[in-house]
Amino acid sequence: MAAATLSYEDLGLVQGEGWLFRHLDVHIRPRDRLALIGRNGAGKTTLLKCLAGLIDTDEGKRTIVPGSRVALLEQDPDMGDHATLFDWVLDGSDAPETHEAAAIADQIGLDLSRPVATASGGSGDARRSPERSLRSRTFCSSTSRPTIWTFPESSGSKTG
């Protein structure tokens, strides 16, 4: 079994008057496929923010393989005036190289030539789509249907 790319051991977070979660162990390995399912307000996005290192937890040890990057896919990103998904993915200072974006898109079946207005993460909303993960070389993303994608920062290939 491959070593975990991202781990959190004994994760705990207090929210409000009590623990949102406690003594949680999460180990995400290359090629893993995970589903995070729960009712609205259950803490799914909060958990993903903990995994991404955006929220300081009250308990636990977070470990990530050097060279990996964790970023969260916004649920409602501003796609601006970009004509195509390719234009949008390649915009910005943290954009991947053109060949990296093309390789990842091909491996996960995305047509980056599509107009941004036609993109969808499954709900018909152009802003909730996995294309954003290409733009940030995302390890962990949160959408209206929370999803975890694994992309090594340097190789441009999907590993999980």
N, C-alpha and C. Protein backbone atom coordinates (compact mmCIF):
# COMPACT_ATOMS: atom_id res chain seq x y z
N MET A 1 0.84 -1.17 0.00
CA MET A 1 0.00 0.00 0.00
C MET A 1 0.89 1.24 0.00
N ALA A 2 0.56 2.20 -0.86
CA ALA A 2 1.35 3.44 -0.96
C ALA A 2 1.19 4.29 0.29
N ALA A 3 2.22 5.05 0.58
CA ALA A 3 2.17 5.97 1.72
C ALA A 3 1.17 7.09 1.44
N ALA A 4 0.62 7.63 2.48
CA ALA A 4 -0.36 8.71 2.34
C ALA A 4 0.31 9.98 1.84
N THR A 5 -0.37 10.66 0.92
CA THR A 5 0.08 11.96 0.44
C THR A 5 -0.29 13.02 1.46
N LEU A 6 -1.45 12.88 2.05
CA LEU A 6 -1.93 13.81 3.07
C LEU A 6 -2.55 13.00 4.20
N SER A 7 -2.14 13.31 5.42
CA SER A 7 -2.69 12.62 6.59
C SER A 7 -3.04 13.64 7.67
N TYR A 8 -4.06 13.31 8.41
CA TYR A 8 -4.38 14.05 9.63
C TYR A 8 -4.69 12.99 10.67
N GLU A 9 -3.96 13.01 11.77
CA GLU A 9 -4.16 12.03 12.82
C GLU A 9 -4.73 12.71 14.06
N ASP A 10 -5.75 12.09 14.62
CA ASP A 10 -6.40 12.57 15.84
C ASP A 10 -6.94 14.00 15.69
N LEU A 11 -7.47 14.27 14.51
CA LEU A 11 -8.01 15.59 14.19
C LEU A 11 -9.21 15.91 15.07
N GLY A 12 -9.21 17.11 15.60
CA GLY A 12 -10.33 17.58 16.41
C GLY A 12 -10.52 19.07 16.25
N LEU A 13 -11.78 19.50 16.18
CA LEU A 13 -12.09 20.91 16.03
C LEU A 13 -13.32 21.25 16.86
N VAL A 14 -13.15 22.26 17.70
CA VAL A 14 -14.27 22.78 18.48
C VAL A 14 -14.94 23.86 17.67
N GLN A 15 -16.25 23.79 17.61
CA GLN A 15 -17.03 24.83 16.94
C GLN A 15 -18.23 25.14 17.81
N GLY A 16 -18.35 26.40 18.18
CA GLY A 16 -19.44 26.77 19.08
C GLY A 16 -19.20 26.21 20.46
N GLU A 17 -20.17 25.51 20.99
CA GLU A 17 -20.12 24.99 22.36
C GLU A 17 -19.47 23.61 22.49
N GLY A 18 -19.18 22.95 21.35
CA GLY A 18 -18.65 21.59 21.47
C GLY A 18 -17.81 21.19 20.27
N TRP A 19 -17.48 19.93 20.24
CA TRP A 19 -16.64 19.37 19.19
C TRP A 19 -17.45 19.17 17.91
N LEU A 20 -16.95 19.72 16.79
CA LEU A 20 -17.55 19.44 15.49
C LEU A 20 -17.15 18.03 15.08
N PHE A 21 -15.87 17.70 15.29
CA PHE A 21 -15.37 16.33 15.15
C PHE A 21 -14.15 16.20 16.05
N ARG A 22 -13.89 14.95 16.43
CA ARG A 22 -12.79 14.69 17.36
C ARG A 22 -12.28 13.27 17.13
N HIS A 23 -10.97 13.08 17.31
CA HIS A 23 -10.30 11.79 17.15
C HIS A 23 -10.50 11.21 15.74
N LEU A 24 -10.46 12.10 14.75
CA LEU A 24 -10.65 11.70 13.37
C LEU A 24 -9.28 11.45 12.73
N ASP A 25 -9.12 10.31 12.07
CA ASP A 25 -7.91 10.00 11.31
C ASP A 25 -8.26 9.98 9.84
N VAL A 26 -7.51 10.72 9.04
CA VAL A 26 -7.72 10.79 7.60
C VAL A 26 -6.39 10.52 6.92
N HIS A 27 -6.36 9.58 5.99
CA HIS A 27 -5.16 9.25 5.24
C HIS A 27 -5.54 9.17 3.78
N ILE A 28 -5.01 10.08 2.96
CA ILE A 28 -5.32 10.11 1.53
C ILE A 28 -4.07 9.70 0.78
N ARG A 29 -4.20 8.61 0.03
CA ARG A 29 -3.08 8.04 -0.70
C ARG A 29 -3.27 8.27 -2.21
N PRO A 30 -2.18 8.17 -2.97
CA PRO A 30 -2.32 8.27 -4.42
C PRO A 30 -3.36 7.27 -4.91
N ARG A 31 -4.17 7.69 -5.85
CA ARG A 31 -5.21 6.89 -6.50
C ARG A 31 -6.45 6.68 -5.63
N ASP A 32 -6.48 7.23 -4.43
CA ASP A 32 -7.67 7.11 -3.58
C ASP A 32 -8.83 7.87 -4.20
N ARG A 33 -10.02 7.35 -4.02
CA ARG A 33 -11.27 8.01 -4.38
C ARG A 33 -12.09 8.09 -3.12
N LEU A 34 -12.44 9.30 -2.71
CA LEU A 34 -13.13 9.50 -1.46
C LEU A 34 -14.43 10.24 -1.68
N ALA A 35 -15.39 9.97 -0.83
CA ALA A 35 -16.66 10.71 -0.84
C ALA A 35 -16.89 11.24 0.56
N LEU A 36 -17.19 12.50 0.65
CA LEU A 36 -17.50 13.14 1.91
C LEU A 36 -18.97 13.54 1.84
N ILE A 37 -19.80 12.81 2.56
CA ILE A 37 -21.25 12.95 2.45
C ILE A 37 -21.83 13.35 3.79
N GLY A 38 -22.71 14.31 3.77
CA GLY A 38 -23.37 14.74 5.00
C GLY A 38 -24.40 15.81 4.71
N ARG A 39 -25.25 16.07 5.66
CA ARG A 39 -26.29 17.07 5.47
C ARG A 39 -25.67 18.47 5.47
N ASN A 40 -26.41 19.45 5.00
CA ASN A 40 -25.95 20.83 5.04
C ASN A 40 -25.64 21.22 6.48
N GLY A 41 -24.50 21.88 6.65
CA GLY A 41 -24.10 22.34 7.98
C GLY A 41 -23.43 21.29 8.85
N ALA A 42 -23.18 20.10 8.30
CA ALA A 42 -22.58 19.02 9.09
C ALA A 42 -21.07 19.20 9.29
N GLY A 43 -20.43 20.06 8.49
CA GLY A 43 -19.01 20.30 8.64
C GLY A 43 -18.14 19.77 7.51
N LYS A 44 -18.74 19.41 6.38
CA LYS A 44 -17.96 18.87 5.26
C LYS A 44 -16.92 19.87 4.77
N THR A 45 -17.35 21.09 4.48
CA THR A 45 -16.42 22.10 3.99
C THR A 45 -15.41 22.47 5.07
N THR A 46 -15.82 22.52 6.31
CA THR A 46 -14.90 22.82 7.41
C THR A 46 -13.82 21.74 7.49
N LEU A 47 -14.19 20.48 7.34
CA LEU A 47 -13.21 19.40 7.34
C LEU A 47 -12.22 19.57 6.20
N LEU A 48 -12.72 19.89 5.00
CA LEU A 48 -11.83 20.10 3.86
C LEU A 48 -10.89 21.28 4.11
N LYS A 49 -11.39 22.33 4.75
CA LYS A 49 -10.53 23.48 5.08
C LYS A 49 -9.45 23.07 6.09
N CYS A 50 -9.78 22.18 7.01
CA CYS A 50 -8.76 21.66 7.95
C CYS A 50 -7.71 20.88 7.18
N LEU A 51 -8.13 20.01 6.27
CA LEU A 51 -7.20 19.22 5.48
C LEU A 51 -6.29 20.11 4.64
N ALA A 52 -6.86 21.22 4.15
CA ALA A 52 -6.08 22.15 3.33
C ALA A 52 -5.17 23.04 4.17
N GLY A 53 -5.32 23.00 5.48
CA GLY A 53 -4.48 23.82 6.35
C GLY A 53 -4.96 25.26 6.46
N LEU A 54 -6.20 25.51 6.10
CA LEU A 54 -6.76 26.87 6.15
C LEU A 54 -7.39 27.20 7.50
N ILE A 55 -7.68 26.16 8.28
CA ILE A 55 -8.24 26.34 9.61
C ILE A 55 -7.31 25.66 10.61
N ASP A 56 -6.95 26.37 11.67
CA ASP A 56 -6.18 25.75 12.75
C ASP A 56 -7.11 24.87 13.56
N THR A 57 -6.71 23.63 13.74
CA THR A 57 -7.53 22.70 14.50
C THR A 57 -7.15 22.76 15.98
N ASP A 58 -8.02 22.23 16.81
CA ASP A 58 -7.77 22.19 18.25
C ASP A 58 -6.94 20.98 18.65
N GLU A 59 -7.00 19.93 17.84
CA GLU A 59 -6.22 18.72 18.09
C GLU A 59 -5.80 18.13 16.75
N GLY A 60 -4.71 17.39 16.78
CA GLY A 60 -4.32 16.61 15.61
C GLY A 60 -3.01 17.02 14.99
N LYS A 61 -2.48 16.10 14.20
CA LYS A 61 -1.22 16.31 13.50
C LYS A 61 -1.46 16.13 12.01
N ARG A 62 -1.17 17.18 11.23
CA ARG A 62 -1.32 17.18 9.77
C ARG A 62 0.03 16.90 9.14
N THR A 63 0.08 15.96 8.19
CA THR A 63 1.30 15.62 7.48
C THR A 63 1.01 15.60 5.99
N ILE A 64 1.90 16.23 5.21
CA ILE A 64 1.74 16.25 3.75
C ILE A 64 3.10 15.95 3.11
N VAL A 65 3.08 15.19 2.04
CA VAL A 65 4.31 14.85 1.33
C VAL A 65 4.91 16.12 0.74
N PRO A 66 6.20 16.36 0.95
CA PRO A 66 6.83 17.54 0.35
C PRO A 66 6.62 17.58 -1.16
N GLY A 67 6.37 18.78 -1.68
CA GLY A 67 6.10 18.94 -3.10
C GLY A 67 4.63 18.88 -3.45
N SER A 68 3.80 18.45 -2.50
CA SER A 68 2.35 18.42 -2.73
C SER A 68 1.79 19.77 -2.32
N ARG A 69 0.71 20.13 -2.92
CA ARG A 69 0.07 21.40 -2.63
C ARG A 69 -1.41 21.15 -2.37
N VAL A 70 -1.94 21.81 -1.37
CA VAL A 70 -3.35 21.68 -1.03
C VAL A 70 -4.02 23.02 -1.29
N ALA A 71 -5.10 22.99 -2.03
CA ALA A 71 -5.87 24.20 -2.29
C ALA A 71 -7.34 23.80 -2.32
N LEU A 72 -8.20 24.72 -1.97
CA LEU A 72 -9.63 24.44 -1.99
C LEU A 72 -10.26 25.11 -3.20
N LEU A 73 -11.08 24.37 -3.89
CA LEU A 73 -11.84 24.88 -5.02
C LEU A 73 -13.02 25.68 -4.46
N GLU A 74 -13.08 26.95 -4.81
CA GLU A 74 -14.19 27.76 -4.32
C GLU A 74 -15.50 27.25 -4.91
N GLN A 75 -16.56 27.38 -4.15
CA GLN A 75 -17.86 26.94 -4.64
C GLN A 75 -18.41 27.90 -5.68
N ASP A 76 -18.05 29.17 -5.61
CA ASP A 76 -18.53 30.18 -6.54
C ASP A 76 -17.40 31.08 -7.01
N PRO A 77 -16.43 30.54 -7.76
CA PRO A 77 -15.30 31.38 -8.20
C PRO A 77 -15.72 32.39 -9.26
N ASP A 78 -15.00 33.50 -9.32
CA ASP A 78 -15.23 34.51 -10.35
C ASP A 78 -14.50 34.08 -11.60
N MET A 79 -15.23 33.74 -12.64
CA MET A 79 -14.62 33.31 -13.89
C MET A 79 -14.38 34.48 -14.83
N GLY A 80 -14.74 35.68 -14.38
CA GLY A 80 -14.44 36.89 -15.13
C GLY A 80 -14.96 36.88 -16.55
N ASP A 81 -14.16 37.47 -17.42
CA ASP A 81 -14.54 37.61 -18.83
C ASP A 81 -13.86 36.58 -19.72
N HIS A 82 -13.45 35.45 -19.15
CA HIS A 82 -12.76 34.43 -19.95
C HIS A 82 -13.73 33.78 -20.92
N ALA A 83 -13.25 33.57 -22.14
CA ALA A 83 -14.09 32.97 -23.18
C ALA A 83 -14.21 31.45 -22.99
N THR A 84 -13.08 30.79 -22.73
CA THR A 84 -13.08 29.33 -22.62
C THR A 84 -12.53 28.90 -21.27
N LEU A 85 -12.76 27.65 -20.95
CA LEU A 85 -12.21 27.10 -19.72
C LEU A 85 -10.68 27.12 -19.75
N PHE A 86 -10.10 26.90 -20.92
CA PHE A 86 -8.65 26.93 -21.06
C PHE A 86 -8.11 28.32 -20.71
N ASP A 87 -8.78 29.37 -21.21
CA ASP A 87 -8.37 30.75 -20.88
C ASP A 87 -8.39 30.96 -19.37
N TRP A 88 -9.43 30.47 -18.74
CA TRP A 88 -9.61 30.67 -17.30
C TRP A 88 -8.58 29.90 -16.49
N VAL A 89 -8.34 28.63 -16.88
CA VAL A 89 -7.38 27.78 -16.17
C VAL A 89 -5.98 28.37 -16.24
N LEU A 90 -5.62 28.96 -17.38
CA LEU A 90 -4.27 29.45 -17.58
C LEU A 90 -4.05 30.89 -17.11
N ASP A 91 -5.08 31.52 -16.57
CA ASP A 91 -4.96 32.89 -16.10
C ASP A 91 -4.43 32.95 -14.68
N GLY A 92 -3.60 33.91 -14.39
CA GLY A 92 -3.13 34.13 -13.02
C GLY A 92 -1.70 33.68 -12.80
N SER A 93 -1.11 34.19 -11.73
CA SER A 93 0.29 33.91 -11.43
C SER A 93 0.54 32.47 -11.00
N ASP A 94 -0.48 31.78 -10.49
CA ASP A 94 -0.29 30.40 -10.05
C ASP A 94 -0.79 29.38 -11.06
N ALA A 95 -1.01 29.83 -12.30
CA ALA A 95 -1.54 28.94 -13.33
C ALA A 95 -0.52 27.87 -13.71
N PRO A 96 -1.00 26.68 -14.05
CA PRO A 96 -0.08 25.62 -14.50
C PRO A 96 0.44 25.94 -15.90
N GLU A 97 1.47 25.23 -16.31
CA GLU A 97 1.96 25.33 -17.68
C GLU A 97 0.86 24.79 -18.61
N THR A 98 0.84 25.27 -19.84
CA THR A 98 -0.18 24.86 -20.81
C THR A 98 -0.21 23.35 -20.98
N HIS A 99 0.96 22.71 -21.11
CA HIS A 99 1.00 21.26 -21.31
C HIS A 99 0.50 20.50 -20.08
N GLU A 100 0.75 21.06 -18.88
CA GLU A 100 0.26 20.41 -17.66
C GLU A 100 -1.26 20.44 -17.61
N ALA A 101 -1.84 21.61 -17.89
CA ALA A 101 -3.30 21.74 -17.88
C ALA A 101 -3.93 20.82 -18.92
N ALA A 102 -3.35 20.76 -20.10
CA ALA A 102 -3.89 19.91 -21.17
C ALA A 102 -3.81 18.43 -20.79
N ALA A 103 -2.70 18.02 -20.18
CA ALA A 103 -2.53 16.61 -19.80
C ALA A 103 -3.52 16.22 -18.71
N ILE A 104 -3.67 17.06 -17.71
CA ILE A 104 -4.60 16.76 -16.62
C ILE A 104 -6.03 16.73 -17.14
N ALA A 105 -6.39 17.72 -17.95
CA ALA A 105 -7.75 17.77 -18.50
C ALA A 105 -8.05 16.51 -19.31
N ASP A 106 -7.09 16.06 -20.10
CA ASP A 106 -7.28 14.86 -20.89
C ASP A 106 -7.49 13.64 -20.00
N GLN A 107 -6.71 13.52 -18.93
CA GLN A 107 -6.81 12.36 -18.05
C GLN A 107 -8.12 12.30 -17.29
N ILE A 108 -8.71 13.45 -16.99
CA ILE A 108 -9.97 13.42 -16.24
C ILE A 108 -11.17 13.75 -17.12
N GLY A 109 -10.94 13.82 -18.43
CA GLY A 109 -12.03 13.94 -19.38
C GLY A 109 -12.68 15.31 -19.48
N LEU A 110 -11.89 16.38 -19.33
CA LEU A 110 -12.44 17.73 -19.43
C LEU A 110 -12.10 18.34 -20.77
N ASP A 111 -13.08 18.97 -21.38
CA ASP A 111 -12.87 19.69 -22.64
C ASP A 111 -12.66 21.15 -22.31
N LEU A 112 -11.41 21.58 -22.29
CA LEU A 112 -11.09 22.95 -21.92
C LEU A 112 -11.40 23.96 -23.01
N SER A 113 -11.81 23.49 -24.18
CA SER A 113 -12.19 24.43 -25.25
C SER A 113 -13.63 24.93 -25.07
N ARG A 114 -14.36 24.35 -24.13
CA ARG A 114 -15.75 24.77 -23.89
C ARG A 114 -15.82 26.20 -23.39
N PRO A 115 -16.85 26.93 -23.78
CA PRO A 115 -17.06 28.27 -23.21
C PRO A 115 -17.33 28.14 -21.71
N VAL A 116 -16.85 29.11 -20.92
CA VAL A 116 -17.04 29.04 -19.47
C VAL A 116 -18.52 28.99 -19.11
N ALA A 117 -19.37 29.59 -19.91
CA ALA A 117 -20.81 29.62 -19.61
C ALA A 117 -21.45 28.23 -19.68
N THR A 118 -20.79 27.28 -20.35
CA THR A 118 -21.37 25.94 -20.50
C THR A 118 -20.78 24.93 -19.54
N ALA A 119 -19.81 25.35 -18.73
CA ALA A 119 -19.15 24.42 -17.80
C ALA A 119 -20.09 24.07 -16.66
N SER A 120 -19.92 22.87 -16.13
CA SER A 120 -20.78 22.44 -15.03
C SER A 120 -20.08 21.39 -14.20
N GLY A 121 -20.29 21.48 -12.89
CA GLY A 121 -19.81 20.43 -12.01
C GLY A 121 -20.89 19.40 -11.75
N GLY A 122 -21.94 19.43 -12.57
CA GLY A 122 -23.02 18.46 -12.43
C GLY A 122 -24.34 19.11 -12.06
N SER A 123 -24.30 20.36 -11.61
CA SER A 123 -25.53 21.01 -11.19
C SER A 123 -25.99 22.05 -12.19
N GLY A 124 -25.26 22.22 -13.30
CA GLY A 124 -25.61 23.22 -14.27
C GLY A 124 -25.01 24.58 -13.96
N ASP A 125 -24.33 24.73 -12.87
CA ASP A 125 -23.72 26.00 -12.48
C ASP A 125 -22.29 26.03 -13.00
N ALA A 126 -21.98 26.95 -13.89
CA ALA A 126 -20.67 27.01 -14.53
C ALA A 126 -19.55 27.25 -13.54
N ARG A 127 -19.82 27.81 -12.39
CA ARG A 127 -18.75 28.14 -11.47
C ARG A 127 -18.40 26.98 -10.55
N ARG A 128 -19.18 25.95 -10.51
CA ARG A 128 -18.91 24.82 -9.62
C ARG A 128 -18.40 23.66 -10.45
N SER A 129 -17.14 23.74 -10.84
CA SER A 129 -16.63 22.74 -11.77
C SER A 129 -15.21 22.33 -11.42
N PRO A 130 -14.81 21.12 -11.80
CA PRO A 130 -13.46 20.65 -11.50
C PRO A 130 -12.39 21.36 -12.31
N GLU A 131 -12.76 22.16 -13.31
CA GLU A 131 -11.77 22.89 -14.09
C GLU A 131 -10.92 23.77 -13.18
N ARG A 132 -11.52 24.28 -12.11
CA ARG A 132 -10.78 25.15 -11.20
C ARG A 132 -9.60 24.41 -10.57
N SER A 133 -9.74 23.10 -10.37
CA SER A 133 -8.64 22.37 -9.77
C SER A 133 -7.43 22.37 -10.68
N LEU A 134 -7.62 22.43 -11.98
CA LEU A 134 -6.49 22.53 -12.89
C LEU A 134 -5.76 23.85 -12.69
N ARG A 135 -6.52 24.89 -12.46
CA ARG A 135 -5.92 26.22 -12.34
C ARG A 135 -5.01 26.30 -11.12
N SER A 136 -5.37 25.66 -10.04
CA SER A 136 -4.57 25.72 -8.82
C SER A 136 -3.71 24.50 -8.61
N ARG A 137 -3.73 23.53 -9.54
CA ARG A 137 -3.04 22.25 -9.34
C ARG A 137 -3.47 21.69 -7.99
N THR A 138 -4.74 21.54 -7.85
CA THR A 138 -5.38 21.28 -6.57
C THR A 138 -5.16 19.86 -6.08
N PHE A 139 -5.01 19.73 -4.79
CA PHE A 139 -5.00 18.43 -4.14
C PHE A 139 -6.39 18.14 -3.58
N CYS A 140 -7.01 19.13 -3.02
CA CYS A 140 -8.29 18.93 -2.34
C CYS A 140 -9.24 20.03 -2.78
N SER A 141 -10.42 19.67 -3.18
CA SER A 141 -11.34 20.70 -3.62
C SER A 141 -12.71 20.51 -3.00
N SER A 142 -13.41 21.60 -2.84
CA SER A 142 -14.75 21.58 -2.28
C SER A 142 -15.70 22.17 -3.29
N THR A 143 -16.68 21.41 -3.70
CA THR A 143 -17.69 21.89 -4.63
C THR A 143 -19.04 21.69 -3.98
N SER A 144 -20.09 22.01 -4.72
CA SER A 144 -21.42 21.78 -4.17
C SER A 144 -21.61 20.29 -3.91
N ARG A 145 -20.86 19.47 -4.61
CA ARG A 145 -20.77 18.04 -4.33
C ARG A 145 -19.32 17.78 -3.97
N PRO A 146 -18.92 17.89 -2.68
CA PRO A 146 -17.51 17.88 -2.30
C PRO A 146 -16.74 16.73 -2.93
N THR A 147 -15.60 17.09 -3.49
CA THR A 147 -14.77 16.17 -4.24
C THR A 147 -13.32 16.37 -3.86
N ILE A 148 -12.56 15.31 -3.83
CA ILE A 148 -11.11 15.43 -3.62
C ILE A 148 -10.42 14.96 -4.88
N TRP A 149 -9.61 15.83 -5.47
CA TRP A 149 -8.80 15.52 -6.64
C TRP A 149 -7.34 15.55 -6.18
N THR A 150 -6.51 14.69 -6.72
CA THR A 150 -5.10 14.66 -6.34
C THR A 150 -4.25 14.93 -7.57
N PHE A 151 -3.50 16.02 -7.55
CA PHE A 151 -2.60 16.37 -8.63
C PHE A 151 -1.24 16.71 -8.05
N PRO A 152 -0.18 15.97 -8.39
CA PRO A 152 1.14 16.37 -7.93
C PRO A 152 1.49 17.72 -8.55
N GLU A 153 2.14 18.58 -7.80
CA GLU A 153 2.41 19.93 -8.28
C GLU A 153 3.33 19.96 -9.49
N SER A 154 4.28 19.06 -9.57
CA SER A 154 5.29 19.20 -10.61
C SER A 154 5.07 18.35 -11.86
N SER A 155 4.29 17.29 -11.80
CA SER A 155 4.25 16.38 -12.95
C SER A 155 3.14 16.66 -13.93
N GLY A 156 2.07 17.32 -13.51
CA GLY A 156 0.97 17.58 -14.41
C GLY A 156 0.11 16.36 -14.68
N SER A 157 0.22 15.30 -13.89
CA SER A 157 -0.62 14.13 -14.10
C SER A 157 -1.50 13.88 -12.89
N LYS A 158 -2.67 13.32 -13.14
CA LYS A 158 -3.61 13.04 -12.06
C LYS A 158 -3.20 11.73 -11.39
N THR A 159 -3.15 11.76 -10.05
CA THR A 159 -2.75 10.56 -9.33
C THR A 159 -3.83 10.05 -8.40
N GLY A 160 -4.94 10.67 -8.35
CA GLY A 160 -5.94 10.17 -7.42
C GLY A 160 -7.29 10.70 -7.67
